[in-house]
Amino acid sequence: MGFLTKMFSYLAHSFGTLTKFFIKKTEMPITTRDNIIFISEQLEKALTSNSPQTKVAIGAEKELVSLIKKQTEEGNLNNITRTKAYFSFFQRCPEVHWAFLAHTVSRNGGWNMTDLKGDIIGNIISKKQIEPLFLCLERANAFIFQDAYPQLLLYEESKRRGENVFHLLPNFSVSSFMRPFWEHFLLTKNSSLLTVALIINEQQHIQKHVIEQPFFQEHVLETLSFLLQQWLGFTDVLIPFYDKNKVRLAGTTIHDFANVDHRIVIGKTLYGMLFHHKKIYNGAYEFALNTPHTGSRADFWPHLFFHTVKMRKKASIYSPKLVNAWPNIKHRYPEQDDWFDDLSVVKHLHTIPIFKNCDLTDNYLTNIIELSSLARSKQFLF
């Protein structure tokens, strides 16, 4: 069987299986129509305001800004520290659902980074294509944390003080899009609305500062290696959860990484799975609480993946820890380059998709075994 025949045969199988899972869904309203109108009015004011966002902080506020910047820098060392910081925050402020969603997605980011040095992807694409892919994943992971974590800490400080300190957001180059949502959240505690707003903001942020940058357009998004990675399911975003002492997998697949609207819908889909299926939420929280993130897929399935020679006796697919795969990377972050320039994103604030069947366990296992076999035979090598 030729390469193209094998590839399209595999694709047909993969998409056919996924369709069975996701054909049944409902749309859950996020908030009331009046709240959408109110938020839209606040966003329009932010767009039409002629006064620049102040960045002046003095006295105690200056100290707070410095402290948050220091804590953000410490947390933004690598994917491991970011993932841990999100979950620690969620434990302190469980009403901010986005933090747990970000923790879960960040775990996936780490797995994707180490996949590039593992048995499957490492055998499918050439070494010269691997580093640009890693840099894309790492940069997106780091830029989201750099933008979002100060927002989380400002909320925690507002909660501690019992007063709104979100006028300090411009000190962290956060989009003007976010302030109305945080201030609304202080009053209403509408976790779903804030979560979707953060999903929109972070995806638009990396769209402008990562995806649309020339280096990544040329070396990542337009390369066959990246397209291949999408088709072969390594952009599955997984939610590991305990079910009767075994780890099962919920999740979905990103089919068009370059499309920001698609990524926003994916984020909303994952949020619906994580917070609107009690069984998945409870099992995912138990997994996060009891499973330190290493970047190796052995974190969730040590019977299939291994990261040490000792583990290889029981498992068959090499999946290294992040510390053994990649060095820490220093980034330069943009200042005052706001993505928010029109109200079109409001369309995402109305509903959240809720799928009836979210379990990908059997499908993912089948795909991984098939891909492992193909990678070892070098059938997909480029």
Protein backbone atom coordinates (compact mmCIF):
# COMPACT_ATOMS: atom_id res chain seq x y z
CA MET A 1 0.00 0.00 0.00
CA GLY A 2 1.46 3.42 -1.01
CA PHE A 3 1.98 6.33 1.35
CA LEU A 4 -1.04 8.36 0.22
CA THR A 5 -3.30 5.34 0.26
CA LYS A 6 -2.23 4.50 3.79
CA MET A 7 -2.61 8.07 4.95
CA PHE A 8 -6.12 8.58 3.59
CA SER A 9 -7.21 5.16 4.78
CA TYR A 10 -6.07 6.14 8.24
CA LEU A 11 -7.80 9.52 8.01
CA ALA A 12 -11.10 7.96 7.03
CA HIS A 13 -10.90 5.64 10.04
CA SER A 14 -9.98 8.47 12.40
CA PHE A 15 -12.72 10.87 11.33
CA GLY A 16 -15.32 8.14 11.21
CA THR A 17 -14.59 7.23 14.80
CA LEU A 18 -14.60 10.83 16.00
CA THR A 19 -17.99 11.47 14.40
CA LYS A 20 -19.55 8.81 16.61
CA PHE A 21 -18.46 10.73 19.68
CA PHE A 22 -19.40 14.27 18.81
CA ILE A 23 -22.59 14.10 16.78
CA LYS A 24 -24.86 14.65 19.80
CA LYS A 25 -24.54 18.02 21.47
CA THR A 26 -26.53 20.89 22.96
CA GLU A 27 -25.73 24.59 23.24
CA MET A 28 -25.80 25.93 26.79
CA PRO A 29 -26.40 29.69 27.24
CA ILE A 30 -23.47 31.46 28.91
CA THR A 31 -25.36 34.44 30.29
CA THR A 32 -28.46 36.54 29.76
CA ARG A 33 -29.15 38.75 26.77
CA ASP A 34 -29.07 41.81 29.03
CA ASN A 35 -25.59 40.91 30.25
CA ILE A 36 -24.36 40.48 26.67
CA ILE A 37 -25.75 43.93 25.80
CA PHE A 38 -24.12 45.47 28.89
CA ILE A 39 -20.73 43.88 28.18
CA SER A 40 -20.95 44.89 24.51
CA GLU A 41 -21.56 48.51 25.55
CA GLN A 42 -18.54 48.42 27.85
CA LEU A 43 -16.39 46.94 25.10
CA GLU A 44 -17.54 49.61 22.66
CA LYS A 45 -16.58 52.30 25.16
CA ALA A 46 -13.13 50.73 25.45
CA LEU A 47 -12.78 50.82 21.66
CA THR A 48 -13.93 54.43 21.22
CA SER A 49 -12.19 55.91 24.25
CA ASN A 50 -9.65 58.58 23.33
CA SER A 51 -7.92 58.48 26.69
CA PRO A 52 -4.95 56.09 26.80
CA GLN A 53 -4.89 53.31 29.35
CA THR A 54 -2.81 54.60 32.20
CA LYS A 55 0.20 52.58 33.32
CA VAL A 56 1.06 54.78 36.28
CA ALA A 57 1.26 52.93 39.57
CA ILE A 58 2.57 54.60 42.72
CA GLY A 59 3.15 53.62 46.33
CA ALA A 60 1.56 50.36 47.38
CA GLU A 61 0.18 49.81 43.87
CA LYS A 62 3.67 50.05 42.40
CA GLU A 63 4.84 47.42 44.88
CA LEU A 64 1.92 45.18 43.93
CA VAL A 65 2.72 45.51 40.21
CA SER A 66 6.36 44.65 40.87
CA LEU A 67 5.41 41.64 42.99
CA ILE A 68 3.02 40.28 40.34
CA LYS A 69 5.64 40.72 37.62
CA LYS A 70 8.15 38.83 39.75
CA GLN A 71 5.70 35.98 40.45
CA THR A 72 4.80 35.81 36.75
CA GLU A 73 8.46 35.62 35.72
CA GLU A 74 9.08 32.82 38.24
CA GLY A 75 6.05 30.89 37.04
CA ASN A 76 6.90 31.36 33.36
CA LEU A 77 10.17 29.43 33.45
CA ASN A 78 8.86 26.53 31.35
CA ASN A 79 5.78 24.45 30.65
CA ILE A 80 6.16 22.54 33.92
CA THR A 81 6.14 25.66 36.11
CA ARG A 82 3.26 27.24 34.17
CA THR A 83 1.10 24.15 34.46
CA LYS A 84 1.74 23.91 38.20
CA ALA A 85 1.02 27.62 38.74
CA TYR A 86 -2.38 27.40 37.04
CA PHE A 87 -3.51 24.52 39.24
CA SER A 88 -2.19 26.11 42.43
CA PHE A 89 -4.18 29.24 41.63
CA PHE A 90 -7.31 27.21 40.91
CA GLN A 91 -7.03 25.52 44.29
CA ARG A 92 -7.00 28.97 45.90
CA CYS A 93 -9.72 30.46 43.67
CA PRO A 94 -11.91 27.63 42.31
CA GLU A 95 -14.50 30.11 41.06
CA VAL A 96 -12.07 31.05 38.26
CA HIS A 97 -12.75 28.03 36.08
CA TRP A 98 -10.36 29.13 33.36
CA ALA A 99 -7.36 28.36 35.58
CA PHE A 100 -8.19 24.64 35.70
CA LEU A 101 -8.93 24.61 31.98
CA ALA A 102 -5.57 26.33 31.36
CA HIS A 103 -3.82 23.78 33.58
CA THR A 104 -5.32 20.94 31.56
CA VAL A 105 -4.51 22.48 28.17
CA SER A 106 -0.99 23.33 29.37
CA ARG A 107 -0.43 19.66 30.22
CA ASN A 108 -1.26 18.91 26.60
CA GLY A 109 1.20 21.56 25.49
CA GLY A 110 3.94 19.78 27.42
CA TRP A 111 3.02 16.41 25.93
CA ASN A 112 3.12 17.89 22.43
CA MET A 113 6.56 19.37 23.10
CA THR A 114 8.00 16.04 24.24
CA ASP A 115 6.26 14.16 21.41
CA LEU A 116 8.77 15.84 19.12
CA LYS A 117 11.57 13.89 20.82
CA GLY A 118 9.56 10.69 21.30
CA ASP A 119 9.15 7.49 19.33
CA ILE A 120 6.34 8.58 17.00
CA ILE A 121 6.70 12.19 15.81
CA GLY A 122 10.47 11.93 16.20
CA ASN A 123 10.44 9.19 13.57
CA ILE A 124 7.94 10.87 11.25
CA ILE A 125 9.52 14.26 10.59
CA SER A 126 13.12 15.36 10.11
CA LYS A 127 15.26 16.85 12.86
CA LYS A 128 15.43 20.26 11.14
CA GLN A 129 11.62 20.49 11.25
CA ILE A 130 11.35 19.59 14.94
CA GLU A 131 12.85 22.69 16.56
CA PRO A 132 10.54 25.23 14.83
CA LEU A 133 7.56 23.14 15.95
CA PHE A 134 8.83 23.16 19.53
CA LEU A 135 9.42 26.92 19.42
CA CYS A 136 5.86 27.48 18.22
CA LEU A 137 4.39 25.37 21.01
CA GLU A 138 6.68 26.87 23.65
CA ARG A 139 6.09 30.45 22.54
CA ALA A 140 2.31 30.06 22.55
CA ASN A 141 2.40 28.42 25.99
CA ALA A 142 4.65 31.15 27.40
CA PHE A 143 2.79 34.08 25.84
CA ILE A 144 -0.56 32.91 27.21
CA PHE A 145 0.89 32.59 30.70
CA GLN A 146 2.61 35.98 30.51
CA ASP A 147 -0.69 37.60 29.58
CA ALA A 148 -3.10 35.65 31.77
CA TYR A 149 -1.27 35.00 35.03
CA PRO A 150 -1.07 38.67 36.09
CA GLN A 151 -4.83 38.87 35.53
CA LEU A 152 -5.35 35.92 37.85
CA LEU A 153 -3.15 37.47 40.53
CA LEU A 154 -4.93 40.82 40.24
CA TYR A 155 -8.22 39.02 40.81
CA GLU A 156 -6.79 37.25 43.85
CA GLU A 157 -5.64 40.60 45.24
CA SER A 158 -9.06 42.17 44.54
CA LYS A 159 -10.65 39.27 46.39
CA ARG A 160 -8.26 39.65 49.33
CA ARG A 161 -8.78 43.40 49.62
CA GLY A 162 -12.46 43.41 48.83
CA GLU A 163 -11.88 46.09 46.20
CA ASN A 164 -11.36 46.33 42.45
CA VAL A 165 -7.71 46.67 41.36
CA PHE A 166 -8.23 45.93 37.68
CA HIS A 167 -7.31 49.50 36.75
CA LEU A 168 -3.77 48.10 37.01
CA LEU A 169 -4.22 45.76 34.04
CA PRO A 170 -2.43 48.10 31.58
CA ASN A 171 0.75 47.71 33.64
CA PHE A 172 0.90 44.15 32.29
CA SER A 173 0.02 45.03 28.67
CA VAL A 174 -3.29 43.18 28.95
CA SER A 175 -5.84 43.88 26.22
CA SER A 176 -8.54 46.45 26.96
CA PHE A 177 -10.95 43.63 26.09
CA MET A 178 -10.54 41.99 29.49
CA ARG A 179 -11.27 44.72 32.03
CA PRO A 180 -15.08 44.77 31.55
CA PHE A 181 -15.23 41.01 32.07
CA TRP A 182 -13.17 41.01 35.27
CA GLU A 183 -15.18 43.88 36.72
CA HIS A 184 -18.40 42.13 35.77
CA PHE A 185 -17.11 38.93 37.38
CA LEU A 186 -16.40 40.74 40.65
CA LEU A 187 -20.10 41.63 40.78
CA THR A 188 -21.77 38.52 39.34
CA LYS A 189 -19.30 35.60 39.75
CA ASN A 190 -20.40 34.32 36.33
CA SER A 191 -17.59 31.81 35.87
CA SER A 192 -18.67 30.73 32.39
CA LEU A 193 -18.68 34.24 30.94
CA LEU A 194 -15.24 35.02 32.38
CA THR A 195 -13.88 31.70 31.12
CA VAL A 196 -15.04 32.28 27.56
CA ALA A 197 -13.72 35.85 27.65
CA LEU A 198 -10.29 34.55 28.70
CA ILE A 199 -10.41 31.87 25.99
CA ILE A 200 -11.14 34.56 23.39
CA ASN A 201 -8.47 36.90 24.73
CA GLU A 202 -5.65 34.36 24.95
CA GLN A 203 -6.34 32.85 21.53
CA GLN A 204 -6.48 36.29 19.91
CA HIS A 205 -3.28 37.21 21.77
CA ILE A 206 -1.27 34.29 20.39
CA GLN A 207 -2.88 34.71 16.98
CA LYS A 208 -1.38 38.20 16.73
CA HIS A 209 1.94 37.54 18.45
CA VAL A 210 2.72 33.95 17.47
CA ILE A 211 0.62 32.49 14.67
CA GLU A 212 0.73 35.48 12.33
CA GLN A 213 4.45 36.11 12.75
CA PRO A 214 6.52 35.45 9.58
CA PHE A 215 8.88 32.89 11.13
CA PHE A 216 6.06 30.63 12.21
CA GLN A 217 4.08 31.13 9.02
CA GLU A 218 7.09 30.00 7.00
CA HIS A 219 8.63 27.33 9.21
CA VAL A 220 5.66 25.84 11.05
CA LEU A 221 2.16 26.49 9.80
CA GLU A 222 2.95 26.12 6.12
CA THR A 223 5.18 23.10 6.37
CA LEU A 224 4.04 19.63 5.49
CA SER A 225 5.31 18.40 8.83
CA PHE A 226 2.85 20.54 10.74
CA LEU A 227 -0.06 19.64 8.46
CA LEU A 228 0.87 15.99 8.92
CA GLN A 229 0.92 16.43 12.68
CA GLN A 230 -2.60 17.88 12.56
CA TRP A 231 -3.97 15.07 10.39
CA LEU A 232 -2.41 12.33 12.46
CA GLY A 233 -4.15 13.40 15.63
CA PHE A 234 -1.24 14.83 17.61
CA THR A 235 -3.31 17.93 18.13
CA ASP A 236 -5.76 15.93 20.20
CA VAL A 237 -6.39 17.93 23.36
CA LEU A 238 -6.94 15.40 26.12
CA ILE A 239 -8.56 15.59 29.55
CA PRO A 240 -7.26 12.65 31.62
CA PHE A 241 -9.71 11.69 34.36
CA TYR A 242 -9.92 8.93 36.91
CA ASP A 243 -12.84 6.55 36.57
CA LYS A 244 -12.87 3.63 39.02
CA ASN A 245 -9.12 3.91 39.65
CA LYS A 246 -8.28 3.89 35.92
CA VAL A 247 -7.31 6.90 33.81
CA ARG A 248 -9.64 7.51 30.89
CA LEU A 249 -9.46 10.31 28.33
CA ALA A 250 -11.99 12.92 27.30
CA GLY A 251 -11.15 15.56 24.72
CA THR A 252 -11.32 16.77 21.14
CA THR A 253 -9.07 17.50 18.15
CA ILE A 254 -7.77 20.76 16.67
CA HIS A 255 -8.07 20.42 12.91
CA ASP A 256 -7.12 23.97 11.91
CA PHE A 257 -4.53 25.35 14.31
CA ALA A 258 -4.07 28.59 12.35
CA ASN A 259 -7.76 29.52 12.58
CA VAL A 260 -8.40 31.56 15.72
CA ASP A 261 -12.19 31.09 15.65
CA HIS A 262 -11.68 27.33 15.47
CA ARG A 263 -9.35 27.40 18.47
CA ILE A 264 -11.86 29.47 20.45
CA VAL A 265 -14.59 26.93 19.75
CA ILE A 266 -12.20 24.15 20.81
CA GLY A 267 -11.54 26.00 24.07
CA LYS A 268 -15.26 26.37 24.72
CA THR A 269 -15.79 22.68 23.89
CA LEU A 270 -13.13 21.60 26.38
CA TYR A 271 -14.62 23.89 29.01
CA GLY A 272 -18.02 22.28 28.49
CA MET A 273 -16.48 18.83 28.91
CA LEU A 274 -14.46 19.73 31.98
CA PHE A 275 -17.00 21.73 33.97
CA HIS A 276 -20.36 20.48 32.78
CA HIS A 277 -19.80 16.74 33.13
CA LYS A 278 -19.53 16.03 36.84
CA LYS A 279 -17.84 12.66 36.33
CA ILE A 280 -15.14 14.16 34.13
CA TYR A 281 -14.57 17.16 36.42
CA ASN A 282 -14.22 15.04 39.55
CA GLY A 283 -11.93 12.55 37.83
CA ALA A 284 -9.84 15.27 36.17
CA TYR A 285 -9.40 17.11 39.46
CA GLU A 286 -8.30 13.88 41.14
CA PHE A 287 -5.81 13.29 38.33
CA ALA A 288 -4.41 16.83 38.55
CA LEU A 289 -4.15 16.63 42.33
CA ASN A 290 -2.31 13.31 42.36
CA THR A 291 -0.24 13.43 39.16
CA PRO A 292 2.67 15.89 38.96
CA HIS A 293 3.11 17.15 35.42
CA THR A 294 6.40 16.03 33.81
CA GLY A 295 5.58 16.48 30.12
CA SER A 296 5.73 12.73 29.48
CA ARG A 297 2.59 10.95 28.36
CA ALA A 298 3.58 8.31 30.89
CA ASP A 299 1.94 10.69 33.37
CA PHE A 300 -1.45 9.36 32.31
CA TRP A 301 -0.70 5.96 30.69
CA PRO A 302 2.51 4.41 32.09
CA HIS A 303 1.43 1.03 30.74
CA LEU A 304 1.86 2.36 27.18
CA PHE A 305 4.42 5.19 27.43
CA PHE A 306 7.80 5.20 29.16
CA HIS A 307 10.43 7.82 29.98
CA THR A 308 13.06 5.65 31.69
CA VAL A 309 14.79 2.40 30.76
CA LYS A 310 13.21 0.74 33.80
CA MET A 311 9.70 1.62 32.58
CA ARG A 312 10.44 0.17 29.12
CA LYS A 313 9.96 -3.36 30.47
CA LYS A 314 6.22 -2.66 30.80
CA ALA A 315 5.60 0.02 28.13
CA SER A 316 6.44 0.29 24.44
CA ILE A 317 6.41 3.97 23.33
CA TYR A 318 9.12 6.41 24.40
CA SER A 319 7.75 9.70 25.76
CA PRO A 320 10.47 11.71 27.53
CA LYS A 321 10.08 14.14 30.39
CA LEU A 322 10.25 17.78 29.33
CA VAL A 323 13.45 18.41 31.32
CA ASN A 324 15.16 15.66 29.32
CA ALA A 325 13.81 16.83 25.96
CA TRP A 326 14.11 20.62 25.81
CA PRO A 327 15.98 23.49 27.52
CA ASN A 328 14.26 26.51 29.05
CA ILE A 329 13.70 29.30 26.51
CA LYS A 330 13.81 33.05 27.19
CA HIS A 331 11.21 35.10 25.36
CA ARG A 332 10.68 38.75 24.52
CA TYR A 333 7.08 39.71 25.21
CA PRO A 334 5.15 42.44 23.36
CA GLU A 335 4.09 45.63 25.11
CA GLN A 336 0.92 47.61 24.38
CA ASP A 337 0.06 45.95 21.09
CA ASP A 338 -3.64 45.30 21.64
CA TRP A 339 -5.37 42.76 19.39
CA PHE A 340 -8.83 44.13 20.28
CA ASP A 341 -10.02 46.43 17.49
CA ASP A 342 -13.65 45.47 16.78
CA LEU A 343 -16.66 43.77 18.38
CA SER A 344 -16.81 40.71 16.12
CA VAL A 345 -15.62 38.38 18.91
CA VAL A 346 -18.84 39.01 20.85
CA LYS A 347 -20.38 36.23 18.73
CA HIS A 348 -18.51 33.71 20.92
CA LEU A 349 -20.13 34.90 24.17
CA HIS A 350 -23.59 33.40 23.68
CA THR A 351 -23.33 29.61 24.18
CA ILE A 352 -21.05 26.73 25.13
CA PRO A 353 -21.28 23.40 23.24
CA ILE A 354 -22.04 20.47 25.53
CA PHE A 355 -21.35 17.06 23.98
CA LYS A 356 -23.14 14.01 25.26
CA ASN A 357 -20.25 11.58 24.82
CA CYS A 358 -16.77 12.99 25.48
CA ASP A 359 -14.79 9.79 26.08
CA LEU A 360 -11.94 9.34 23.58
CA THR A 361 -10.14 6.53 25.40
CA ASP A 362 -10.63 3.68 22.94
CA ASN A 363 -10.24 5.90 19.89
CA TYR A 364 -7.02 7.44 21.17
CA LEU A 365 -5.55 4.06 22.08
CA THR A 366 -6.28 2.68 18.61
CA ASN A 367 -4.76 5.72 16.92
CA ILE A 368 -1.58 5.65 19.03
CA ILE A 369 -0.95 1.95 18.40
CA GLU A 370 -1.45 2.38 14.64
CA LEU A 371 0.77 5.46 14.51
CA SER A 372 3.48 3.78 16.54
CA SER A 373 3.54 0.88 14.11
CA LEU A 374 3.70 3.18 11.08
CA ALA A 375 6.42 5.35 12.62
CA ARG A 376 8.62 2.35 13.33
CA SER A 377 8.27 1.15 9.76
CA LYS A 378 9.25 4.69 8.58
CA GLN A 379 6.25 4.70 6.26
CA PHE A 380 5.49 8.37 7.00
CA LEU A 381 9.01 9.76 7.12
CA PHE A 382 9.65 13.16 5.50
